Amino acid sequence: MRDIILKAVANPPKLFWGPVLPAALNAGIQIPFMFMAIGIWQINPLIFIISIVIGHLIVVALGSKDPHLSGMLQAFGTTNMPSTNLYRVKGRKFEP
């Protein structure tokens, strides 16, 4: 049982060899723009498919450098909230 837990922590989930969250963001941003451009300007979708592949290759390169990139992005999203201070001070203080 211990091996399963360590394996899940040591090997975060991947989507086509890239971290899940950045790969999904890449596809989730570029694919709607591709369909809008096809519908509005009748642009060849091959241009967007090439840009999706290039973007995914960048995500794979960043993911090979730091495999826990998805976890880091999720942690940044939860800690990047401004705190309310009880006392007037300059800047942000982590006080309840």
PDB file of N, CA and C in Angstrom:
ATOM      1  N   MET A   1       0.821  -1.188   0.000  1.00  0.00           N
ATOM      2  CA  MET A   1       0.000   0.000   0.000  1.00  0.00           C
ATOM      3  C   MET A   1       0.867   1.253   0.000  1.00  0.00           C
ATOM      4  N   ARG A   2       1.981   1.176   0.644  1.00  0.00           N
ATOM      5  CA  ARG A   2       2.849   2.337   0.685  1.00  0.00           C
ATOM      6  C   ARG A   2       3.404   2.680  -0.686  1.00  0.00           C
ATOM      7  N   ASP A   3       3.648   1.695  -1.518  1.00  0.00           N
ATOM      8  CA  ASP A   3       4.177   1.946  -2.861  1.00  0.00           C
ATOM      9  C   ASP A   3       3.198   2.733  -3.715  1.00  0.00           C
ATOM     10  N   ILE A   4       1.916   2.477  -3.572  1.00  0.00           N
ATOM     11  CA  ILE A   4       0.916   3.182  -4.374  1.00  0.00           C
ATOM     12  C   ILE A   4       0.909   4.666  -4.031  1.00  0.00           C
ATOM     13  N   ILE A   5       0.985   4.977  -2.750  1.00  0.00           N
ATOM     14  CA  ILE A   5       0.978   6.375  -2.326  1.00  0.00           C
ATOM     15  C   ILE A   5       2.240   7.082  -2.815  1.00  0.00           C
ATOM     16  N   LEU A   6       3.385   6.476  -2.648  1.00  0.00           N
ATOM     17  CA  LEU A   6       4.628   7.102  -3.085  1.00  0.00           C
ATOM     18  C   LEU A   6       4.661   7.253  -4.599  1.00  0.00           C
ATOM     19  N   LYS A   7       4.120   6.285  -5.317  1.00  0.00           N
ATOM     20  CA  LYS A   7       4.104   6.374  -6.767  1.00  0.00           C
ATOM     21  C   LYS A   7       3.210   7.515  -7.235  1.00  0.00           C
ATOM     22  N   ALA A   8       2.076   7.713  -6.583  1.00  0.00           N
ATOM     23  CA  ALA A   8       1.175   8.810  -6.958  1.00  0.00           C
ATOM     24  C   ALA A   8       1.802  10.165  -6.661  1.00  0.00           C
ATOM     25  N   VAL A   9       2.551  10.256  -5.594  1.00  0.00           N
ATOM     26  CA  VAL A   9       3.194  11.529  -5.256  1.00  0.00           C
ATOM     27  C   VAL A   9       4.394  11.779  -6.148  1.00  0.00           C
ATOM     28  N   ALA A  10       5.174  10.735  -6.410  1.00  0.00           N
ATOM     29  CA  ALA A  10       6.389  10.908  -7.203  1.00  0.00           C
ATOM     30  C   ALA A  10       6.090  11.104  -8.683  1.00  0.00           C
ATOM     31  N   ASN A  11       5.002  10.520  -9.173  1.00  0.00           N
ATOM     32  CA  ASN A  11       4.649  10.630 -10.586  1.00  0.00           C
ATOM     33  C   ASN A  11       3.294  11.321 -10.720  1.00  0.00           C
ATOM     34  N   PRO A  12       3.282  12.642 -10.819  1.00  0.00           N
ATOM     35  CA  PRO A  12       1.993  13.331 -10.952  1.00  0.00           C
ATOM     36  C   PRO A  12       1.337  12.982 -12.290  1.00  0.00           C
ATOM     37  N   PRO A  13       0.015  13.151 -12.404  1.00  0.00           N
ATOM     38  CA  PRO A  13      -0.680  12.773 -13.643  1.00  0.00           C
ATOM     39  C   PRO A  13      -0.220  13.609 -14.837  1.00  0.00           C
ATOM     40  N   LYS A  14      -0.221  12.977 -15.990  1.00  0.00           N
ATOM     41  CA  LYS A  14       0.223  13.639 -17.218  1.00  0.00           C
ATOM     42  C   LYS A  14      -0.840  13.482 -18.293  1.00  0.00           C
ATOM     43  N   LEU A  15      -0.887  14.446 -19.201  1.00  0.00           N
ATOM     44  CA  LEU A  15      -1.782  14.416 -20.340  1.00  0.00           C
ATOM     45  C   LEU A  15      -0.924  14.589 -21.582  1.00  0.00           C
ATOM     46  N   PHE A  16      -0.735  13.523 -22.337  1.00  0.00           N
ATOM     47  CA  PHE A  16       0.145  13.524 -23.501  1.00  0.00           C
ATOM     48  C   PHE A  16       1.545  14.010 -23.127  1.00  0.00           C
ATOM     49  N   TRP A  17       2.106  13.444 -22.098  1.00  0.00           N
ATOM     50  CA  TRP A  17       3.462  13.663 -21.587  1.00  0.00           C
ATOM     51  C   TRP A  17       3.678  15.033 -20.960  1.00  0.00           C
ATOM     52  N   GLY A  18       2.647  15.806 -20.749  1.00  0.00           N
ATOM     53  CA  GLY A  18       2.761  17.106 -20.097  1.00  0.00           C
ATOM     54  C   GLY A  18       1.911  17.143 -18.845  1.00  0.00           C
ATOM     55  N   PRO A  19       2.200  18.052 -17.916  1.00  0.00           N
ATOM     56  CA  PRO A  19       1.371  18.179 -16.714  1.00  0.00           C
ATOM     57  C   PRO A  19      -0.082  18.482 -17.093  1.00  0.00           C
ATOM     58  N   VAL A  20      -1.012  17.948 -16.324  1.00  0.00           N
ATOM     59  CA  VAL A  20      -2.430  17.988 -16.699  1.00  0.00           C
ATOM     60  C   VAL A  20      -2.970  19.419 -16.779  1.00  0.00           C
ATOM     61  N   LEU A  21      -2.764  20.195 -15.746  1.00  0.00           N
ATOM     62  CA  LEU A  21      -3.380  21.528 -15.700  1.00  0.00           C
ATOM     63  C   LEU A  21      -2.871  22.456 -16.808  1.00  0.00           C
ATOM     64  N   PRO A  22      -1.556  22.609 -17.013  1.00  0.00           N
ATOM     65  CA  PRO A  22      -1.116  23.483 -18.113  1.00  0.00           C
ATOM     66  C   PRO A  22      -1.512  22.957 -19.495  1.00  0.00           C
ATOM     67  N   ALA A  23      -1.511  21.631 -19.674  1.00  0.00           N
ATOM     68  CA  ALA A  23      -1.916  21.076 -20.975  1.00  0.00           C
ATOM     69  C   ALA A  23      -3.395  21.323 -21.226  1.00  0.00           C
ATOM     70  N   ALA A  24      -4.217  21.166 -20.199  1.00  0.00           N
ATOM     71  CA  ALA A  24      -5.648  21.427 -20.357  1.00  0.00           C
ATOM     72  C   ALA A  24      -5.912  22.915 -20.586  1.00  0.00           C
ATOM     73  N   LEU A  25      -5.163  23.779 -19.910  1.00  0.00           N
ATOM     74  CA  LEU A  25      -5.319  25.222 -20.141  1.00  0.00           C
ATOM     75  C   LEU A  25      -4.926  25.594 -21.565  1.00  0.00           C
ATOM     76  N   ASN A  26      -3.855  24.996 -22.062  1.00  0.00           N
ATOM     77  CA  ASN A  26      -3.418  25.258 -23.428  1.00  0.00           C
ATOM     78  C   ASN A  26      -4.522  24.889 -24.416  1.00  0.00           C
ATOM     79  N   ALA A  27      -5.066  23.692 -24.271  1.00  0.00           N
ATOM     80  CA  ALA A  27      -6.123  23.253 -25.178  1.00  0.00           C
ATOM     81  C   ALA A  27      -7.414  24.047 -24.943  1.00  0.00           C
ATOM     82  N   GLY A  28      -7.732  24.328 -23.696  1.00  0.00           N
ATOM     83  CA  GLY A  28      -8.967  25.034 -23.369  1.00  0.00           C
ATOM     84  C   GLY A  28      -8.989  26.470 -23.835  1.00  0.00           C
ATOM     85  N   ILE A  29      -7.832  27.068 -24.014  1.00  0.00           N
ATOM     86  CA  ILE A  29      -7.776  28.447 -24.507  1.00  0.00           C
ATOM     87  C   ILE A  29      -7.700  28.471 -26.029  1.00  0.00           C
ATOM     88  N   GLN A  30      -6.871  27.612 -26.613  1.00  0.00           N
ATOM     89  CA  GLN A  30      -6.634  27.701 -28.054  1.00  0.00           C
ATOM     90  C   GLN A  30      -7.738  27.079 -28.910  1.00  0.00           C
ATOM     91  N   ILE A  31      -8.380  26.020 -28.442  1.00  0.00           N
ATOM     92  CA  ILE A  31      -9.401  25.364 -29.255  1.00  0.00           C
ATOM     93  C   ILE A  31     -10.637  26.258 -29.458  1.00  0.00           C
ATOM     94  N   PRO A  32     -11.163  26.945 -28.431  1.00  0.00           N
ATOM     95  CA  PRO A  32     -12.289  27.863 -28.720  1.00  0.00           C
ATOM     96  C   PRO A  32     -11.910  28.990 -29.681  1.00  0.00           C
ATOM     97  N   PHE A  33     -10.678  29.520 -29.555  1.00  0.00           N
ATOM     98  CA  PHE A  33     -10.251  30.550 -30.500  1.00  0.00           C
ATOM     99  C   PHE A  33     -10.161  30.000 -31.918  1.00  0.00           C
ATOM    100  N   MET A  34      -9.751  28.737 -32.034  1.00  0.00           N
ATOM    101  CA  MET A  34      -9.686  28.117 -33.351  1.00  0.00           C
ATOM    102  C   MET A  34     -11.076  28.040 -33.976  1.00  0.00           C
ATOM    103  N   PHE A  35     -12.070  27.577 -33.203  1.00  0.00           N
ATOM    104  CA  PHE A  35     -13.416  27.469 -33.756  1.00  0.00           C
ATOM    105  C   PHE A  35     -14.017  28.839 -34.054  1.00  0.00           C
ATOM    106  N   MET A  36     -13.722  29.847 -33.232  1.00  0.00           N
ATOM    107  CA  MET A  36     -14.223  31.197 -33.521  1.00  0.00           C
ATOM    108  C   MET A  36     -13.593  31.756 -34.787  1.00  0.00           C
ATOM    109  N   ALA A  37     -12.299  31.538 -34.958  1.00  0.00           N
ATOM    110  CA  ALA A  37     -11.622  32.040 -36.155  1.00  0.00           C
ATOM    111  C   ALA A  37     -12.097  31.314 -37.408  1.00  0.00           C
ATOM    112  N   ILE A  38     -12.371  30.016 -37.289  1.00  0.00           N
ATOM    113  CA  ILE A  38     -12.903  29.273 -38.434  1.00  0.00           C
ATOM    114  C   ILE A  38     -14.298  29.801 -38.788  1.00  0.00           C
ATOM    115  N   GLY A  39     -15.120  30.048 -37.776  1.00  0.00           N
ATOM    116  CA  GLY A  39     -16.479  30.512 -38.032  1.00  0.00           C
ATOM    117  C   GLY A  39     -16.550  31.937 -38.534  1.00  0.00           C
ATOM    118  N   ILE A  40     -15.691  32.812 -38.032  1.00  0.00           N
ATOM    119  CA  ILE A  40     -15.775  34.229 -38.390  1.00  0.00           C
ATOM    120  C   ILE A  40     -15.009  34.537 -39.670  1.00  0.00           C
ATOM    121  N   TRP A  41     -13.744  34.097 -39.732  1.00  0.00           N
ATOM    122  CA  TRP A  41     -12.887  34.487 -40.849  1.00  0.00           C
ATOM    123  C   TRP A  41     -12.572  33.356 -41.816  1.00  0.00           C
ATOM    124  N   GLN A  42     -13.130  32.165 -41.616  1.00  0.00           N
ATOM    125  CA  GLN A  42     -12.863  30.998 -42.452  1.00  0.00           C
ATOM    126  C   GLN A  42     -11.356  30.730 -42.609  1.00  0.00           C
ATOM    127  N   ILE A  43     -10.647  30.762 -41.486  1.00  0.00           N
ATOM    128  CA  ILE A  43      -9.201  30.527 -41.473  1.00  0.00           C
ATOM    129  C   ILE A  43      -8.944  29.026 -41.469  1.00  0.00           C
ATOM    130  N   ASN A  44      -7.870  28.633 -42.087  1.00  0.00           N
ATOM    131  CA  ASN A  44      -7.477  27.231 -42.134  1.00  0.00           C
ATOM    132  C   ASN A  44      -7.134  26.751 -40.717  1.00  0.00           C
ATOM    133  N   PRO A  45      -7.755  25.675 -40.230  1.00  0.00           N
ATOM    134  CA  PRO A  45      -7.482  25.216 -38.859  1.00  0.00           C
ATOM    135  C   PRO A  45      -6.092  24.634 -38.669  1.00  0.00           C
ATOM    136  N   LEU A  46      -5.377  24.366 -39.745  1.00  0.00           N
ATOM    137  CA  LEU A  46      -4.026  23.817 -39.630  1.00  0.00           C
ATOM    138  C   LEU A  46      -3.103  24.776 -38.883  1.00  0.00           C
ATOM    139  N   ILE A  47      -3.318  26.084 -39.051  1.00  0.00           N
ATOM    140  CA  ILE A  47      -2.502  27.083 -38.353  1.00  0.00           C
ATOM    141  C   ILE A  47      -2.682  26.939 -36.847  1.00  0.00           C
ATOM    142  N   PHE A  48      -3.921  26.772 -36.413  1.00  0.00           N
ATOM    143  CA  PHE A  48      -4.181  26.650 -34.984  1.00  0.00           C
ATOM    144  C   PHE A  48      -3.719  25.309 -34.436  1.00  0.00           C
ATOM    145  N   ILE A  49      -3.832  24.265 -35.233  1.00  0.00           N
ATOM    146  CA  ILE A  49      -3.364  22.960 -34.773  1.00  0.00           C
ATOM    147  C   ILE A  49      -1.855  22.992 -34.578  1.00  0.00           C
ATOM    148  N   ILE A  50      -1.142  23.670 -35.463  1.00  0.00           N
ATOM    149  CA  ILE A  50       0.307  23.810 -35.296  1.00  0.00           C
ATOM    150  C   ILE A  50       0.620  24.609 -34.040  1.00  0.00           C
ATOM    151  N   SER A  51      -0.143  25.671 -33.770  1.00  0.00           N
ATOM    152  CA  SER A  51       0.121  26.467 -32.561  1.00  0.00           C
ATOM    153  C   SER A  51      -0.225  25.674 -31.296  1.00  0.00           C
ATOM    154  N   ILE A  52      -1.255  24.815 -31.356  1.00  0.00           N
ATOM    155  CA  ILE A  52      -1.585  23.974 -30.198  1.00  0.00           C
ATOM    156  C   ILE A  52      -0.458  22.985 -29.929  1.00  0.00           C
ATOM    157  N   VAL A  53       0.092  22.402 -30.990  1.00  0.00           N
ATOM    158  CA  VAL A  53       1.197  21.447 -30.830  1.00  0.00           C
ATOM    159  C   VAL A  53       2.438  22.151 -30.295  1.00  0.00           C
ATOM    160  N   ILE A  54       2.748  23.327 -30.801  1.00  0.00           N
ATOM    161  CA  ILE A  54       3.915  24.074 -30.304  1.00  0.00           C
ATOM    162  C   ILE A  54       3.716  24.456 -28.841  1.00  0.00           C
ATOM    163  N   GLY A  55       2.515  24.910 -28.491  1.00  0.00           N
ATOM    164  CA  GLY A  55       2.224  25.237 -27.093  1.00  0.00           C
ATOM    165  C   GLY A  55       2.333  24.015 -26.196  1.00  0.00           C
ATOM    166  N   HIS A  56       1.874  22.864 -26.701  1.00  0.00           N
ATOM    167  CA  HIS A  56       1.972  21.650 -25.889  1.00  0.00           C
ATOM    168  C   HIS A  56       3.424  21.203 -25.746  1.00  0.00           C
ATOM    169  N   LEU A  57       4.233  21.387 -26.782  1.00  0.00           N
ATOM    170  CA  LEU A  57       5.654  21.049 -26.659  1.00  0.00           C
ATOM    171  C   LEU A  57       6.339  21.922 -25.607  1.00  0.00           C
ATOM    172  N   ILE A  58       5.939  23.174 -25.521  1.00  0.00           N
ATOM    173  CA  ILE A  58       6.484  24.058 -24.478  1.00  0.00           C
ATOM    174  C   ILE A  58       6.041  23.574 -23.105  1.00  0.00           C
ATOM    175  N   VAL A  59       4.774  23.167 -22.981  1.00  0.00           N
ATOM    176  CA  VAL A  59       4.273  22.643 -21.708  1.00  0.00           C
ATOM    177  C   VAL A  59       5.013  21.364 -21.328  1.00  0.00           C
ATOM    178  N   VAL A  60       5.275  20.493 -22.299  1.00  0.00           N
ATOM    179  CA  VAL A  60       6.017  19.254 -22.025  1.00  0.00           C
ATOM    180  C   VAL A  60       7.433  19.575 -21.575  1.00  0.00           C
ATOM    181  N   ALA A  61       8.072  20.566 -22.218  1.00  0.00           N
ATOM    182  CA  ALA A  61       9.428  20.948 -21.816  1.00  0.00           C
ATOM    183  C   ALA A  61       9.449  21.505 -20.392  1.00  0.00           C
ATOM    184  N   LEU A  62       8.472  22.348 -20.061  1.00  0.00           N
ATOM    185  CA  LEU A  62       8.397  22.877 -18.700  1.00  0.00           C
ATOM    186  C   LEU A  62       8.066  21.772 -17.698  1.00  0.00           C
ATOM    187  N   GLY A  63       7.231  20.824 -18.115  1.00  0.00           N
ATOM    188  CA  GLY A  63       6.864  19.712 -17.247  1.00  0.00           C
ATOM    189  C   GLY A  63       8.008  18.747 -17.020  1.00  0.00           C
ATOM    190  N   SER A  64       8.891  18.601 -17.991  1.00  0.00           N
ATOM    191  CA  SER A  64      10.049  17.728 -17.783  1.00  0.00           C
ATOM    192  C   SER A  64      11.054  18.389 -16.842  1.00  0.00           C
ATOM    193  N   LYS A  65      11.084  19.701 -16.850  1.00  0.00           N
ATOM    194  CA  LYS A  65      11.959  20.417 -15.927  1.00  0.00           C
ATOM    195  C   LYS A  65      11.408  20.373 -14.510  1.00  0.00           C
ATOM    196  N   ASP A  66      10.079  20.539 -14.371  1.00  0.00           N
ATOM    197  CA  ASP A  66       9.428  20.488 -13.065  1.00  0.00           C
ATOM    198  C   ASP A  66       8.135  19.688 -13.191  1.00  0.00           C
ATOM    199  N   PRO A  67       8.156  18.404 -12.841  1.00  0.00           N
ATOM    200  CA  PRO A  67       6.974  17.568 -13.053  1.00  0.00           C
ATOM    201  C   PRO A  67       5.776  17.942 -12.188  1.00  0.00           C
ATOM    202  N   HIS A  68       5.970  18.689 -11.127  1.00  0.00           N
ATOM    203  CA  HIS A  68       4.864  19.067 -10.242  1.00  0.00           C
ATOM    204  C   HIS A  68       4.331  20.459 -10.564  1.00  0.00           C
ATOM    205  N   LEU A  69       4.343  20.816 -11.836  1.00  0.00           N
ATOM    206  CA  LEU A  69       3.904  22.141 -12.259  1.00  0.00           C
ATOM    207  C   LEU A  69       2.415  22.351 -12.007  1.00  0.00           C
ATOM    208  N   SER A  70       1.598  21.319 -12.183  1.00  0.00           N
ATOM    209  CA  SER A  70       0.157  21.437 -11.925  1.00  0.00           C
ATOM    210  C   SER A  70      -0.108  21.737 -10.460  1.00  0.00           C
ATOM    211  N   GLY A  71       0.580  21.030  -9.584  1.00  0.00           N
ATOM    212  CA  GLY A  71       0.407  21.263  -8.146  1.00  0.00           C
ATOM    213  C   GLY A  71       0.859  22.644  -7.739  1.00  0.00           C
ATOM    214  N   MET A  72       1.933  23.130  -8.355  1.00  0.00           N
ATOM    215  CA  MET A  72       2.413  24.470  -8.038  1.00  0.00           C
ATOM    216  C   MET A  72       1.411  25.532  -8.483  1.00  0.00           C
ATOM    217  N   LEU A  73       0.793  25.341  -9.651  1.00  0.00           N
ATOM    218  CA  LEU A  73      -0.210  26.301 -10.118  1.00  0.00           C
ATOM    219  C   LEU A  73      -1.444  26.283  -9.227  1.00  0.00           C
ATOM    220  N   GLN A  74      -1.859  25.094  -8.782  1.00  0.00           N
ATOM    221  CA  GLN A  74      -3.017  25.010  -7.892  1.00  0.00           C
ATOM    222  C   GLN A  74      -2.712  25.649  -6.548  1.00  0.00           C
ATOM    223  N   ALA A  75      -1.508  25.452  -6.019  1.00  0.00           N
ATOM    224  CA  ALA A  75      -1.138  26.052  -4.742  1.00  0.00           C
ATOM    225  C   ALA A  75      -1.038  27.568  -4.860  1.00  0.00           C
ATOM    226  N   PHE A  76      -0.543  28.068  -5.992  1.00  0.00           N
ATOM    227  CA  PHE A  76      -0.454  29.514  -6.192  1.00  0.00           C
ATOM    228  C   PHE A  76      -1.835  30.138  -6.233  1.00  0.00           C
ATOM    229  N   GLY A  77      -2.793  29.440  -6.824  1.00  0.00           N
ATOM    230  CA  GLY A  77      -4.150  29.970  -6.903  1.00  0.00           C
ATOM    231  C   GLY A  77      -4.813  30.115  -5.549  1.00  0.00           C
ATOM    232  N   THR A  78      -4.487  29.230  -4.608  1.00  0.00           N
ATOM    233  CA  THR A  78      -5.105  29.322  -3.290  1.00  0.00           C
ATOM    234  C   THR A  78      -4.370  30.273  -2.363  1.00  0.00           C
ATOM    235  N   THR A  79      -3.095  30.541  -2.594  1.00  0.00           N
ATOM    236  CA  THR A  79      -2.347  31.426  -1.699  1.00  0.00           C
ATOM    237  C   THR A  79      -2.261  32.857  -2.211  1.00  0.00           C
ATOM    238  N   ASN A  80      -2.721  33.124  -3.404  1.00  0.00           N
ATOM    239  CA  ASN A  80      -2.602  34.474  -3.968  1.00  0.00           C
ATOM    240  C   ASN A  80      -3.838  35.322  -3.669  1.00  0.00           C
ATOM    241  N   MET A  81      -4.463  35.101  -2.525  1.00  0.00           N
ATOM    242  CA  MET A  81      -5.627  35.895  -2.142  1.00  0.00           C
ATOM    243  C   MET A  81      -5.216  36.952  -1.115  1.00  0.00           C
ATOM    244  N   PRO A  82      -5.737  38.152  -1.260  1.00  0.00           N
ATOM    245  CA  PRO A  82      -5.374  39.169  -0.273  1.00  0.00           C
ATOM    246  C   PRO A  82      -5.988  38.842   1.090  1.00  0.00           C
ATOM    247  N   SER A  83      -5.234  39.142   2.124  1.00  0.00           N
ATOM    248  CA  SER A  83      -5.737  38.886   3.479  1.00  0.00           C
ATOM    249  C   SER A  83      -6.303  40.175   4.071  1.00  0.00           C
ATOM    250  N   THR A  84      -7.219  40.030   4.993  1.00  0.00           N
ATOM    251  CA  THR A  84      -7.751  41.193   5.691  1.00  0.00           C
ATOM    252  C   THR A  84      -7.014  41.306   7.019  1.00  0.00           C
ATOM    253  N   ASN A  85      -6.496  42.463   7.272  1.00  0.00           N
ATOM    254  CA  ASN A  85      -5.698  42.679   8.476  1.00  0.00           C
ATOM    255  C   ASN A  85      -6.562  43.248   9.598  1.00  0.00           C
ATOM    256  N   LEU A  86      -6.244  42.831  10.809  1.00  0.00           N
ATOM    257  CA  LEU A  86      -6.935  43.391  11.962  1.00  0.00           C
ATOM    258  C   LEU A  86      -6.383  44.761  12.315  1.00  0.00           C
ATOM    259  N   TYR A  87      -5.107  44.956  12.064  1.00  0.00           N
ATOM    260  CA  TYR A  87      -4.440  46.208  12.416  1.00  0.00           C
ATOM    261  C   TYR A  87      -3.991  46.897  11.146  1.00  0.00           C
ATOM    262  N   ARG A  88      -3.976  48.219  11.160  1.00  0.00           N
ATOM    263  CA  ARG A  88      -3.531  48.973   9.997  1.00  0.00           C
ATOM    264  C   ARG A  88      -2.028  48.861   9.862  1.00  0.00           C
ATOM    265  N   VAL A  89      -1.590  48.246   8.787  1.00  0.00           N
ATOM    266  CA  VAL A  89      -0.165  48.127   8.480  1.00  0.00           C
ATOM    267  C   VAL A  89       0.006  48.260   6.986  1.00  0.00           C
ATOM    268  N   LYS A  90       1.230  48.562   6.585  1.00  0.00           N
ATOM    269  CA  LYS A  90       1.528  48.623   5.175  1.00  0.00           C
ATOM    270  C   LYS A  90       1.775  47.229   4.650  1.00  0.00           C
ATOM    271  N   GLY A  91       1.259  46.917   3.485  1.00  0.00           N
ATOM    272  CA  GLY A  91       1.500  45.623   2.871  1.00  0.00           C
ATOM    273  C   GLY A  91       0.550  44.564   3.375  1.00  0.00           C
ATOM    274  N   ARG A  92       0.871  43.340   3.012  1.00  0.00           N
ATOM    275  CA  ARG A  92       0.045  42.202   3.399  1.00  0.00           C
ATOM    276  C   ARG A  92       0.684  41.450   4.552  1.00  0.00           C
ATOM    277  N   LYS A  93      -0.090  41.186   5.542  1.00  0.00           N
ATOM    278  CA  LYS A  93       0.371  40.390   6.672  1.00  0.00           C
ATOM    279  C   LYS A  93      -0.549  39.194   6.798  1.00  0.00           C
ATOM    280  N   PHE A  94       0.002  38.045   7.122  1.00  0.00           N
ATOM    281  CA  PHE A  94      -0.810  36.846   7.257  1.00  0.00           C
ATOM    282  C   PHE A  94      -1.308  36.721   8.703  1.00  0.00           C
ATOM    283  N   GLU A  95      -2.239  37.599   9.043  1.00  0.00           N
ATOM    284  CA  GLU A  95      -2.884  37.570  10.350  1.00  0.00           C
ATOM    285  C   GLU A  95      -4.374  37.320  10.120  1.00  0.00           C
ATOM    286  N   PRO A  96      -5.003  36.579  10.997  1.00  0.00           N
ATOM    287  CA  PRO A  96      -6.458  36.348  10.813  1.00  0.00           C
ATOM    288  C   PRO A  96      -7.273  37.611  11.048  1.00  0.00           C
TER     289      PRO A  96
END
